[in-house]
Amino acid sequence: MEFTITLLNFVYAIFGAILTIVFMVIGYAVFDKITPFDTSRQLAEKNTAVGIVVGSIFVGLGVAVGLVIGLGLN
């Protein structure tokens, strides 16, 4: 019984991580569309300001979506 609960929580965690990554990719795509510049090109040119903003977006989306999915699945 206890092993089943542990296995189910592990599956929930994997599913939540996959969904979080999917939403982070969608968030990056939306950010890339709404900005007047090419985000990927700016990152390739080592634009520090764009890197900080993109990193902040990933952290914010990861925390928010991860918490929502994690609390919703358990």
C-alpha atoms as a PDB file:
ATOM      1  CA  MET A   1       0.000   0.000   0.000  1.00  0.00           C
ATOM      2  CA  GLU A   2       2.727   2.449   0.967  1.00  0.00           C
ATOM      3  CA  PHE A   3       4.743   1.588  -2.147  1.00  0.00           C
ATOM      4  CA  THR A   4       1.715   2.324  -4.333  1.00  0.00           C
ATOM      5  CA  ILE A   5       1.296   5.779  -2.791  1.00  0.00           C
ATOM      6  CA  THR A   6       4.995   6.512  -3.243  1.00  0.00           C
ATOM      7  CA  LEU A   7       4.906   5.351  -6.857  1.00  0.00           C
ATOM      8  CA  LEU A   8       1.782   7.411  -7.563  1.00  0.00           C
ATOM      9  CA  ASN A   9       3.379  10.533  -6.057  1.00  0.00           C
ATOM     10  CA  PHE A  10       6.468   9.920  -8.206  1.00  0.00           C
ATOM     11  CA  VAL A  11       4.299   9.706 -11.338  1.00  0.00           C
ATOM     12  CA  TYR A  12       2.522  12.918 -10.309  1.00  0.00           C
ATOM     13  CA  ALA A  13       5.880  14.646  -9.831  1.00  0.00           C
ATOM     14  CA  ILE A  14       7.124  13.539 -13.274  1.00  0.00           C
ATOM     15  CA  PHE A  15       3.860  14.627 -14.903  1.00  0.00           C
ATOM     16  CA  GLY A  16       4.021  17.981 -13.111  1.00  0.00           C
ATOM     17  CA  ALA A  17       7.622  18.527 -14.213  1.00  0.00           C
ATOM     18  CA  ILE A  18       6.746  17.775 -17.833  1.00  0.00           C
ATOM     19  CA  LEU A  19       3.778  20.164 -17.735  1.00  0.00           C
ATOM     20  CA  THR A  20       5.923  22.858 -16.123  1.00  0.00           C
ATOM     21  CA  ILE A  21       8.543  22.562 -18.872  1.00  0.00           C
ATOM     22  CA  VAL A  22       5.820  22.706 -21.541  1.00  0.00           C
ATOM     23  CA  PHE A  23       4.381  25.882 -20.023  1.00  0.00           C
ATOM     24  CA  MET A  24       7.860  27.408 -19.754  1.00  0.00           C
ATOM     25  CA  VAL A  25       8.422  26.801 -23.473  1.00  0.00           C
ATOM     26  CA  ILE A  26       5.023  28.336 -24.253  1.00  0.00           C
ATOM     27  CA  GLY A  27       5.862  31.329 -22.037  1.00  0.00           C
ATOM     28  CA  TYR A  28       9.170  31.852 -23.848  1.00  0.00           C
ATOM     29  CA  ALA A  29       7.411  31.648 -27.218  1.00  0.00           C
ATOM     30  CA  VAL A  30       4.826  34.226 -26.131  1.00  0.00           C
ATOM     31  CA  PHE A  31       7.576  36.521 -24.810  1.00  0.00           C
ATOM     32  CA  ASP A  32       9.466  36.150 -28.097  1.00  0.00           C
ATOM     33  CA  LYS A  33       6.327  37.093 -30.068  1.00  0.00           C
ATOM     34  CA  ILE A  34       5.427  40.192 -28.021  1.00  0.00           C
ATOM     35  CA  THR A  35       8.900  41.741 -27.991  1.00  0.00           C
ATOM     36  CA  PRO A  36       9.951  43.906 -30.947  1.00  0.00           C
ATOM     37  CA  PHE A  37      13.310  42.108 -31.241  1.00  0.00           C
ATOM     38  CA  ASP A  38      14.425  38.539 -31.864  1.00  0.00           C
ATOM     39  CA  THR A  39      15.065  37.132 -28.405  1.00  0.00           C
ATOM     40  CA  SER A  40      17.109  34.161 -29.616  1.00  0.00           C
ATOM     41  CA  ARG A  41      19.414  36.400 -31.641  1.00  0.00           C
ATOM     42  CA  GLN A  42      19.882  38.754 -28.684  1.00  0.00           C
ATOM     43  CA  LEU A  43      20.768  35.819 -26.453  1.00  0.00           C
ATOM     44  CA  ALA A  44      23.237  34.549 -29.071  1.00  0.00           C
ATOM     45  CA  GLU A  45      24.850  38.000 -29.097  1.00  0.00           C
ATOM     46  CA  LYS A  46      25.244  37.694 -25.286  1.00  0.00           C
ATOM     47  CA  ASN A  47      22.891  40.533 -24.416  1.00  0.00           C
ATOM     48  CA  THR A  48      22.967  40.395 -20.624  1.00  0.00           C
ATOM     49  CA  ALA A  49      19.744  42.347 -20.097  1.00  0.00           C
ATOM     50  CA  VAL A  50      17.739  39.975 -22.293  1.00  0.00           C
ATOM     51  CA  GLY A  51      19.343  37.002 -20.549  1.00  0.00           C
ATOM     52  CA  ILE A  52      18.311  38.297 -17.139  1.00  0.00           C
ATOM     53  CA  VAL A  53      14.739  38.918 -18.306  1.00  0.00           C
ATOM     54  CA  VAL A  54      14.428  35.479 -19.927  1.00  0.00           C
ATOM     55  CA  GLY A  55      15.914  33.829 -16.841  1.00  0.00           C
ATOM     56  CA  SER A  56      13.450  35.700 -14.647  1.00  0.00           C
ATOM     57  CA  ILE A  57      10.580  34.555 -16.839  1.00  0.00           C
ATOM     58  CA  PHE A  58      11.724  30.931 -16.504  1.00  0.00           C
ATOM     59  CA  VAL A  59      12.049  31.196 -12.727  1.00  0.00           C
ATOM     60  CA  GLY A  60       8.676  32.912 -12.343  1.00  0.00           C
ATOM     61  CA  LEU A  61       6.819  30.522 -14.613  1.00  0.00           C
ATOM     62  CA  GLY A  62       8.557  27.526 -13.092  1.00  0.00           C
ATOM     63  CA  VAL A  63       7.628  28.466  -9.550  1.00  0.00           C
ATOM     64  CA  ALA A  64       4.063  29.503 -10.335  1.00  0.00           C
ATOM     65  CA  VAL A  65       3.126  26.651 -12.656  1.00  0.00           C
ATOM     66  CA  GLY A  66       5.036  24.107 -10.580  1.00  0.00           C
ATOM     67  CA  LEU A  67       3.155  25.070  -7.446  1.00  0.00           C
ATOM     68  CA  VAL A  68      -0.215  25.076  -9.161  1.00  0.00           C
ATOM     69  CA  ILE A  69       0.352  21.688 -10.776  1.00  0.00           C
ATOM     70  CA  GLY A  70       1.962  20.215  -7.677  1.00  0.00           C
ATOM     71  CA  LEU A  71      -0.835  21.301  -5.382  1.00  0.00           C
ATOM     72  CA  GLY A  72      -3.496  20.356  -7.895  1.00  0.00           C
ATOM     73  CA  LEU A  73      -2.249  16.815  -8.433  1.00  0.00           C
ATOM     74  CA  ASN A  74      -1.787  15.906  -4.772  1.00  0.00           C
END
